[in-house]
């Protein structure tokens, strides 16, 4: 695979061409599937009902997968990332909890992998300027390893 080149394609297509045990470090922040929860069965004034307009607009990606499909997709991506990592390699996977109807929807699939550490990323500020939430906002960075050592 050619190095020092930007590949603008589905990450699973790129990862599929990569050799096992060939990468030292992967840093990724996938779409959070917020579109599935945004305004779902909720009035705009119902702050507990949905994400009320905090949906991220992508060029070609809808970010509205059913949760089970999204989880399987993310597990497949992480599995491919782990496959290409060298035994001493690390994956830093950034994700956030989604709050929907007063419940927290965490990225629980990360715990199917060897999480070395869960890091709190204090954003100091946020593009999520919503008067119904405290600031600053934070997100999680999961340090996933191939070998526990």
N, C-alpha and C. Protein backbone atom coordinates (compact mmCIF):
# COMPACT_ATOMS: atom_id res chain seq x y z
N UNK A 1 0.85 -1.18 0.00
CA UNK A 1 0.00 0.00 0.00
C UNK A 1 0.89 1.24 0.00
N UNK A 2 0.54 2.19 -0.81
CA UNK A 2 1.32 3.41 -0.92
C UNK A 2 1.21 4.23 0.37
N UNK A 3 2.33 4.74 0.85
CA UNK A 3 2.34 5.54 2.07
C UNK A 3 2.40 7.02 1.72
N UNK A 4 2.17 7.86 2.72
CA UNK A 4 2.17 9.31 2.56
C UNK A 4 1.16 9.76 1.51
N UNK A 5 0.02 9.13 1.52
CA UNK A 5 -1.05 9.45 0.60
C UNK A 5 -2.35 9.50 1.39
N UNK A 6 -3.20 10.46 1.08
CA UNK A 6 -4.50 10.56 1.72
C UNK A 6 -5.49 9.73 0.92
N UNK A 7 -6.18 8.82 1.60
CA UNK A 7 -7.18 7.96 0.98
C UNK A 7 -8.55 8.48 1.38
N UNK A 8 -9.30 9.03 0.46
CA UNK A 8 -10.64 9.55 0.73
C UNK A 8 -11.66 8.49 0.32
N UNK A 9 -11.89 7.54 1.23
CA UNK A 9 -12.79 6.44 0.96
C UNK A 9 -13.26 5.85 2.28
N UNK A 10 -14.14 4.89 2.20
CA UNK A 10 -14.61 4.18 3.38
C UNK A 10 -13.40 3.58 4.09
N UNK A 11 -13.29 3.80 5.39
CA UNK A 11 -12.13 3.32 6.14
C UNK A 11 -12.00 1.80 6.09
N UNK A 12 -13.12 1.09 6.00
CA UNK A 12 -13.05 -0.37 5.93
C UNK A 12 -12.40 -0.83 4.63
N UNK A 13 -12.62 -0.09 3.54
CA UNK A 13 -11.96 -0.41 2.28
C UNK A 13 -10.45 -0.21 2.40
N UNK A 14 -10.05 0.89 3.01
CA UNK A 14 -8.63 1.17 3.19
C UNK A 14 -7.99 0.14 4.11
N UNK A 15 -8.62 -0.10 5.25
CA UNK A 15 -8.08 -1.06 6.21
C UNK A 15 -7.95 -2.46 5.61
N UNK A 16 -8.87 -2.84 4.74
CA UNK A 16 -8.83 -4.18 4.15
C UNK A 16 -7.59 -4.41 3.29
N UNK A 17 -6.99 -3.33 2.80
CA UNK A 17 -5.78 -3.45 1.97
C UNK A 17 -4.50 -3.38 2.81
N UNK A 18 -4.63 -3.16 4.09
CA UNK A 18 -3.45 -3.02 4.95
C UNK A 18 -3.04 -4.37 5.52
N UNK A 19 -1.74 -4.52 5.69
CA UNK A 19 -1.20 -5.77 6.24
C UNK A 19 -1.46 -5.88 7.74
N UNK A 20 -1.61 -7.10 8.21
CA UNK A 20 -1.70 -7.35 9.64
C UNK A 20 -0.43 -6.84 10.31
N UNK A 21 -0.56 -6.38 11.55
CA UNK A 21 0.59 -6.02 12.40
C UNK A 21 1.54 -5.01 11.72
N UNK A 22 0.99 -4.00 11.06
CA UNK A 22 1.83 -3.09 10.29
C UNK A 22 1.78 -1.63 10.75
N UNK A 23 0.90 -1.29 11.68
CA UNK A 23 0.67 0.11 12.05
C UNK A 23 1.00 0.32 13.54
N UNK A 24 1.68 1.41 13.83
CA UNK A 24 2.03 1.74 15.22
C UNK A 24 0.90 2.45 15.96
N UNK A 25 0.20 3.36 15.28
CA UNK A 25 -0.76 4.22 15.97
C UNK A 25 -1.92 4.57 15.05
N UNK A 26 -3.13 4.47 15.60
CA UNK A 26 -4.34 4.91 14.90
C UNK A 26 -5.10 5.84 15.84
N UNK A 27 -5.50 6.99 15.32
CA UNK A 27 -6.32 7.94 16.06
C UNK A 27 -7.57 8.16 15.22
N UNK A 28 -8.73 7.94 15.80
CA UNK A 28 -9.96 8.09 15.01
C UNK A 28 -11.10 8.65 15.86
N UNK A 29 -11.98 9.34 15.19
CA UNK A 29 -13.18 9.88 15.81
C UNK A 29 -14.33 9.67 14.83
N UNK A 30 -15.07 8.57 14.97
CA UNK A 30 -16.14 8.27 14.01
C UNK A 30 -17.34 9.19 14.21
N UNK A 31 -18.25 9.21 13.24
CA UNK A 31 -19.53 9.88 13.47
C UNK A 31 -20.21 9.22 14.67
N UNK A 32 -20.93 9.98 15.47
CA UNK A 32 -21.49 9.47 16.72
C UNK A 32 -22.90 8.89 16.58
N UNK A 33 -23.44 8.85 15.38
CA UNK A 33 -24.80 8.37 15.14
C UNK A 33 -25.84 9.26 15.82
N UNK A 34 -25.51 10.54 15.98
CA UNK A 34 -26.43 11.47 16.62
C UNK A 34 -27.69 11.69 15.81
N UNK A 35 -27.59 11.51 14.49
CA UNK A 35 -28.75 11.73 13.64
C UNK A 35 -29.90 10.78 13.95
N UNK A 36 -29.58 9.59 14.42
CA UNK A 36 -30.64 8.63 14.77
C UNK A 36 -31.49 9.18 15.91
N UNK A 37 -30.86 9.84 16.85
CA UNK A 37 -31.55 10.31 18.05
C UNK A 37 -32.10 11.73 17.90
N UNK A 38 -31.62 12.49 16.91
CA UNK A 38 -32.02 13.89 16.77
C UNK A 38 -33.50 14.00 16.43
N UNK A 39 -34.20 14.70 17.26
CA UNK A 39 -35.61 15.03 17.03
C UNK A 39 -36.51 13.81 16.83
N UNK A 40 -36.04 12.62 17.19
CA UNK A 40 -36.83 11.41 17.01
C UNK A 40 -38.01 11.43 17.98
N UNK A 41 -39.21 11.43 17.43
CA UNK A 41 -40.44 11.42 18.22
C UNK A 41 -40.47 12.53 19.27
N UNK A 42 -39.92 13.68 18.93
CA UNK A 42 -39.85 14.76 19.92
C UNK A 42 -40.26 16.08 19.29
N UNK A 43 -40.85 16.92 20.10
CA UNK A 43 -41.13 18.29 19.68
C UNK A 43 -39.84 19.09 19.86
N UNK A 44 -39.69 20.15 19.10
CA UNK A 44 -38.50 21.00 19.23
C UNK A 44 -38.33 21.51 20.65
N UNK A 45 -39.43 21.76 21.35
CA UNK A 45 -39.32 22.32 22.70
C UNK A 45 -39.07 21.25 23.76
N UNK A 46 -39.13 19.99 23.39
CA UNK A 46 -38.96 18.90 24.35
C UNK A 46 -37.48 18.55 24.47
N UNK A 47 -36.76 19.19 25.40
CA UNK A 47 -35.31 19.01 25.49
C UNK A 47 -34.92 17.60 25.90
N UNK A 48 -35.81 16.85 26.52
CA UNK A 48 -35.48 15.49 26.92
C UNK A 48 -35.81 14.48 25.84
N UNK A 49 -36.52 14.89 24.80
CA UNK A 49 -36.99 13.96 23.80
C UNK A 49 -35.95 13.56 22.78
N UNK A 50 -35.19 14.49 22.30
CA UNK A 50 -34.21 14.19 21.26
C UNK A 50 -33.07 15.17 21.34
N UNK A 51 -32.25 15.18 20.34
CA UNK A 51 -31.09 16.07 20.35
C UNK A 51 -31.42 17.43 19.78
N UNK A 52 -32.65 17.63 19.37
CA UNK A 52 -33.16 18.93 18.99
C UNK A 52 -32.22 19.79 18.17
N UNK A 53 -31.97 19.36 16.94
CA UNK A 53 -31.20 20.18 16.03
C UNK A 53 -29.71 20.07 16.16
N UNK A 54 -29.19 19.24 17.06
CA UNK A 54 -27.74 19.13 17.21
C UNK A 54 -27.17 18.08 16.27
N UNK A 55 -27.92 17.73 15.28
CA UNK A 55 -27.50 16.76 14.28
C UNK A 55 -26.36 17.36 13.44
N UNK A 56 -25.37 16.55 13.11
CA UNK A 56 -24.26 17.01 12.28
C UNK A 56 -24.58 16.69 10.83
N UNK A 57 -24.44 17.67 9.95
CA UNK A 57 -24.70 17.47 8.53
C UNK A 57 -23.42 17.04 7.84
N UNK A 58 -23.44 15.86 7.23
CA UNK A 58 -22.31 15.36 6.46
C UNK A 58 -22.64 15.45 4.98
N UNK A 59 -21.61 15.41 4.13
CA UNK A 59 -21.83 15.49 2.68
C UNK A 59 -22.62 14.28 2.17
N UNK A 60 -22.15 13.08 2.49
CA UNK A 60 -22.78 11.89 1.93
C UNK A 60 -23.21 10.88 2.99
N UNK A 61 -22.86 11.10 4.23
CA UNK A 61 -23.18 10.16 5.30
C UNK A 61 -24.36 10.68 6.10
N UNK A 62 -25.36 9.83 6.39
CA UNK A 62 -26.58 10.30 7.05
C UNK A 62 -26.49 10.29 8.57
N UNK A 63 -25.62 9.49 9.19
CA UNK A 63 -25.47 9.42 10.65
C UNK A 63 -26.78 9.05 11.35
N UNK A 64 -27.57 8.19 10.71
CA UNK A 64 -28.88 7.83 11.26
C UNK A 64 -29.10 6.31 11.25
N UNK A 65 -28.08 5.55 11.57
CA UNK A 65 -28.23 4.09 11.58
C UNK A 65 -29.02 3.63 12.80
N UNK A 66 -29.79 2.56 12.65
CA UNK A 66 -30.37 1.95 13.86
C UNK A 66 -29.22 1.58 14.81
N UNK A 67 -29.39 1.78 16.11
CA UNK A 67 -28.29 1.57 17.06
C UNK A 67 -27.56 0.23 16.93
N UNK A 68 -28.28 -0.87 16.71
CA UNK A 68 -27.62 -2.17 16.60
C UNK A 68 -26.73 -2.23 15.37
N UNK A 69 -27.18 -1.65 14.27
CA UNK A 69 -26.39 -1.62 13.03
C UNK A 69 -25.14 -0.75 13.22
N UNK A 70 -25.32 0.39 13.89
CA UNK A 70 -24.19 1.28 14.16
C UNK A 70 -23.15 0.59 15.03
N UNK A 71 -23.61 -0.10 16.07
CA UNK A 71 -22.70 -0.81 16.97
C UNK A 71 -21.90 -1.86 16.21
N UNK A 72 -22.56 -2.65 15.37
CA UNK A 72 -21.86 -3.67 14.59
C UNK A 72 -20.83 -3.04 13.65
N UNK A 73 -21.20 -1.92 13.04
CA UNK A 73 -20.29 -1.20 12.15
C UNK A 73 -19.05 -0.74 12.90
N UNK A 74 -19.25 -0.15 14.08
CA UNK A 74 -18.12 0.34 14.87
C UNK A 74 -17.24 -0.81 15.35
N UNK A 75 -17.83 -1.93 15.76
CA UNK A 75 -17.05 -3.10 16.18
C UNK A 75 -16.22 -3.64 15.02
N UNK A 76 -16.77 -3.60 13.83
CA UNK A 76 -16.04 -4.06 12.65
C UNK A 76 -14.85 -3.15 12.37
N UNK A 77 -15.06 -1.85 12.50
CA UNK A 77 -13.97 -0.89 12.28
C UNK A 77 -12.88 -1.07 13.33
N UNK A 78 -13.26 -1.17 14.60
CA UNK A 78 -12.25 -1.35 15.66
C UNK A 78 -11.51 -2.67 15.45
N UNK A 79 -12.23 -3.72 15.10
CA UNK A 79 -11.57 -5.01 14.85
C UNK A 79 -10.53 -4.91 13.75
N UNK A 80 -10.85 -4.21 12.68
CA UNK A 80 -9.90 -4.03 11.59
C UNK A 80 -8.71 -3.18 12.04
N UNK A 81 -8.98 -2.16 12.83
CA UNK A 81 -7.89 -1.33 13.36
C UNK A 81 -6.95 -2.18 14.21
N UNK A 82 -7.50 -2.99 15.08
CA UNK A 82 -6.69 -3.86 15.95
C UNK A 82 -5.90 -4.86 15.10
N UNK A 83 -6.52 -5.38 14.06
CA UNK A 83 -5.83 -6.34 13.19
C UNK A 83 -4.57 -5.74 12.57
N UNK A 84 -4.65 -4.48 12.12
CA UNK A 84 -3.49 -3.87 11.46
C UNK A 84 -2.46 -3.31 12.43
N UNK A 85 -2.83 -3.18 13.72
CA UNK A 85 -1.87 -2.67 14.70
C UNK A 85 -0.74 -3.67 14.93
N UNK A 86 0.46 -3.13 15.11
CA UNK A 86 1.57 -3.96 15.57
C UNK A 86 1.25 -4.41 16.99
N UNK A 87 1.88 -5.49 17.47
CA UNK A 87 1.61 -5.93 18.85
C UNK A 87 1.82 -4.81 19.89
N UNK A 88 2.72 -3.90 19.61
CA UNK A 88 2.98 -2.79 20.53
C UNK A 88 2.18 -1.54 20.18
N UNK A 89 1.28 -1.64 19.20
CA UNK A 89 0.53 -0.49 18.70
C UNK A 89 -0.62 -0.07 19.59
N UNK A 90 -1.14 1.12 19.30
CA UNK A 90 -2.25 1.68 20.07
C UNK A 90 -3.30 2.28 19.14
N UNK A 91 -4.55 2.16 19.56
CA UNK A 91 -5.67 2.81 18.90
C UNK A 91 -6.28 3.78 19.90
N UNK A 92 -6.40 5.04 19.51
CA UNK A 92 -7.10 6.03 20.33
C UNK A 92 -8.41 6.33 19.62
N UNK A 93 -9.50 5.89 20.25
CA UNK A 93 -10.84 5.93 19.66
C UNK A 93 -11.67 6.94 20.44
N UNK A 94 -12.01 8.05 19.79
CA UNK A 94 -12.77 9.12 20.43
C UNK A 94 -14.26 8.93 20.17
N UNK A 95 -15.05 8.95 21.24
CA UNK A 95 -16.50 8.85 21.11
C UNK A 95 -17.13 9.58 22.29
N UNK A 96 -18.41 9.79 22.23
CA UNK A 96 -19.10 10.43 23.33
C UNK A 96 -20.38 9.70 23.65
N UNK A 97 -20.87 9.92 24.84
CA UNK A 97 -22.17 9.40 25.23
C UNK A 97 -23.24 10.26 24.56
N UNK A 98 -24.35 9.64 24.21
CA UNK A 98 -25.50 10.37 23.70
C UNK A 98 -26.55 10.36 24.81
N UNK A 99 -27.15 11.49 25.09
CA UNK A 99 -28.23 11.55 26.07
C UNK A 99 -29.53 11.63 25.30
N UNK A 100 -30.39 10.63 25.53
CA UNK A 100 -31.65 10.53 24.80
C UNK A 100 -32.76 10.20 25.77
N UNK A 101 -33.75 11.07 25.85
CA UNK A 101 -34.90 10.91 26.74
C UNK A 101 -34.44 10.67 28.18
N UNK A 102 -33.43 11.42 28.60
CA UNK A 102 -32.95 11.34 29.97
C UNK A 102 -32.07 10.15 30.28
N UNK A 103 -31.75 9.34 29.27
CA UNK A 103 -30.90 8.16 29.47
C UNK A 103 -29.58 8.36 28.72
N UNK A 104 -28.52 7.78 29.25
CA UNK A 104 -27.22 7.84 28.61
C UNK A 104 -27.04 6.62 27.72
N UNK A 105 -26.68 6.88 26.46
CA UNK A 105 -26.40 5.81 25.50
C UNK A 105 -24.89 5.83 25.28
N UNK A 106 -24.13 4.98 26.00
CA UNK A 106 -22.67 4.99 25.89
C UNK A 106 -22.18 4.12 24.72
N UNK A 107 -20.96 4.32 24.27
CA UNK A 107 -20.37 3.44 23.25
C UNK A 107 -19.86 2.16 23.89
N UNK A 108 -20.78 1.33 24.37
CA UNK A 108 -20.43 0.15 25.17
C UNK A 108 -19.63 -0.90 24.40
N UNK A 109 -19.67 -0.86 23.08
CA UNK A 109 -18.95 -1.85 22.26
C UNK A 109 -17.45 -1.77 22.45
N UNK A 110 -16.92 -0.64 22.90
CA UNK A 110 -15.46 -0.54 23.07
C UNK A 110 -14.96 -1.53 24.11
N UNK A 111 -15.82 -1.93 25.03
CA UNK A 111 -15.39 -2.84 26.09
C UNK A 111 -15.29 -4.29 25.61
N UNK A 112 -15.59 -4.53 24.34
CA UNK A 112 -15.34 -5.84 23.74
C UNK A 112 -13.87 -5.97 23.33
N UNK A 113 -13.11 -4.90 23.50
CA UNK A 113 -11.70 -4.85 23.12
C UNK A 113 -10.85 -4.58 24.35
N UNK A 114 -9.54 -4.65 24.20
CA UNK A 114 -8.62 -4.42 25.33
C UNK A 114 -8.44 -2.92 25.53
N UNK A 115 -9.26 -2.36 26.41
CA UNK A 115 -9.16 -0.93 26.73
C UNK A 115 -8.10 -0.77 27.80
N UNK A 116 -7.02 -0.12 27.45
CA UNK A 116 -5.91 0.11 28.39
C UNK A 116 -6.26 1.24 29.35
N UNK A 117 -6.94 2.26 28.80
CA UNK A 117 -7.32 3.41 29.64
C UNK A 117 -8.46 4.17 28.98
N UNK A 118 -9.32 4.74 29.80
CA UNK A 118 -10.38 5.63 29.34
C UNK A 118 -9.96 7.04 29.73
N UNK A 119 -9.82 7.90 28.74
CA UNK A 119 -9.31 9.25 28.95
C UNK A 119 -10.45 10.24 28.79
N UNK A 120 -10.52 11.22 29.69
CA UNK A 120 -11.52 12.29 29.56
C UNK A 120 -10.90 13.42 28.76
N UNK A 121 -11.52 13.74 27.65
CA UNK A 121 -11.08 14.86 26.83
C UNK A 121 -11.93 16.06 27.19
N UNK A 122 -11.37 17.00 27.92
CA UNK A 122 -12.06 18.22 28.31
C UNK A 122 -11.94 19.20 27.14
N UNK A 123 -13.04 19.41 26.45
CA UNK A 123 -13.03 20.23 25.24
C UNK A 123 -12.88 21.73 25.51
N UNK A 124 -13.01 22.15 26.76
CA UNK A 124 -12.93 23.56 27.15
C UNK A 124 -14.10 24.38 26.60
N UNK A 125 -14.56 24.06 25.43
CA UNK A 125 -15.75 24.68 24.85
C UNK A 125 -16.33 23.63 23.91
N UNK A 126 -17.41 23.98 23.25
CA UNK A 126 -18.06 22.99 22.41
C UNK A 126 -18.85 23.66 21.32
N UNK A 127 -18.93 23.01 20.15
CA UNK A 127 -19.84 23.53 19.13
C UNK A 127 -21.30 23.28 19.51
N UNK A 128 -21.51 22.45 20.55
CA UNK A 128 -22.85 22.14 21.03
C UNK A 128 -23.29 23.26 21.99
N UNK A 129 -23.55 24.43 21.45
CA UNK A 129 -23.95 25.56 22.27
C UNK A 129 -25.45 25.47 22.55
N UNK A 130 -25.78 24.76 23.58
CA UNK A 130 -27.16 24.51 23.96
C UNK A 130 -27.33 25.01 25.39
N UNK A 131 -28.24 25.96 25.63
CA UNK A 131 -28.40 26.51 26.98
C UNK A 131 -28.91 25.51 28.00
N UNK A 132 -29.27 24.30 27.56
CA UNK A 132 -29.78 23.29 28.48
C UNK A 132 -28.68 22.43 29.08
N UNK A 133 -27.41 22.71 28.75
CA UNK A 133 -26.28 21.91 29.22
C UNK A 133 -25.22 22.80 29.85
N UNK A 134 -24.51 22.25 30.83
CA UNK A 134 -23.39 22.95 31.42
C UNK A 134 -22.19 22.92 30.48
N UNK A 135 -21.30 23.86 30.65
CA UNK A 135 -20.06 23.90 29.89
C UNK A 135 -18.91 23.80 30.90
N UNK A 136 -17.74 23.39 30.57
CA UNK A 136 -17.36 22.87 29.26
C UNK A 136 -17.86 21.45 29.07
N UNK A 137 -17.84 21.02 27.84
CA UNK A 137 -18.27 19.66 27.50
C UNK A 137 -17.05 18.75 27.46
N UNK A 138 -17.28 17.45 27.57
CA UNK A 138 -16.16 16.51 27.43
C UNK A 138 -16.59 15.31 26.60
N UNK A 139 -15.60 14.59 26.13
CA UNK A 139 -15.82 13.37 25.38
C UNK A 139 -14.83 12.35 25.90
N UNK A 140 -14.99 11.10 25.47
CA UNK A 140 -14.10 10.03 25.89
C UNK A 140 -13.12 9.70 24.78
N UNK A 141 -11.92 9.37 25.18
CA UNK A 141 -10.94 8.78 24.28
C UNK A 141 -10.57 7.44 24.90
N UNK A 142 -10.82 6.38 24.16
CA UNK A 142 -10.52 5.03 24.65
C UNK A 142 -9.19 4.60 24.05
N UNK A 143 -8.24 4.29 24.92
CA UNK A 143 -6.94 3.80 24.48
C UNK A 143 -7.07 2.28 24.39
N UNK A 144 -7.14 1.78 23.17
CA UNK A 144 -7.32 0.36 22.91
C UNK A 144 -5.99 -0.21 22.41
N UNK A 145 -5.60 -1.33 22.97
CA UNK A 145 -4.32 -1.94 22.61
C UNK A 145 -4.55 -3.35 22.07
N UNK A 146 -3.55 -3.84 21.38
CA UNK A 146 -3.59 -5.20 20.87
C UNK A 146 -3.04 -6.15 21.91
N UNK A 147 -1.93 -5.75 22.53
CA UNK A 147 -1.27 -6.57 23.55
C UNK A 147 -1.32 -5.80 24.86
N UNK A 148 -1.79 -6.43 25.90
CA UNK A 148 -1.94 -5.75 27.20
C UNK A 148 -0.61 -5.25 27.77
N UNK A 149 0.51 -5.80 27.32
CA UNK A 149 1.81 -5.36 27.82
C UNK A 149 2.21 -4.05 27.19
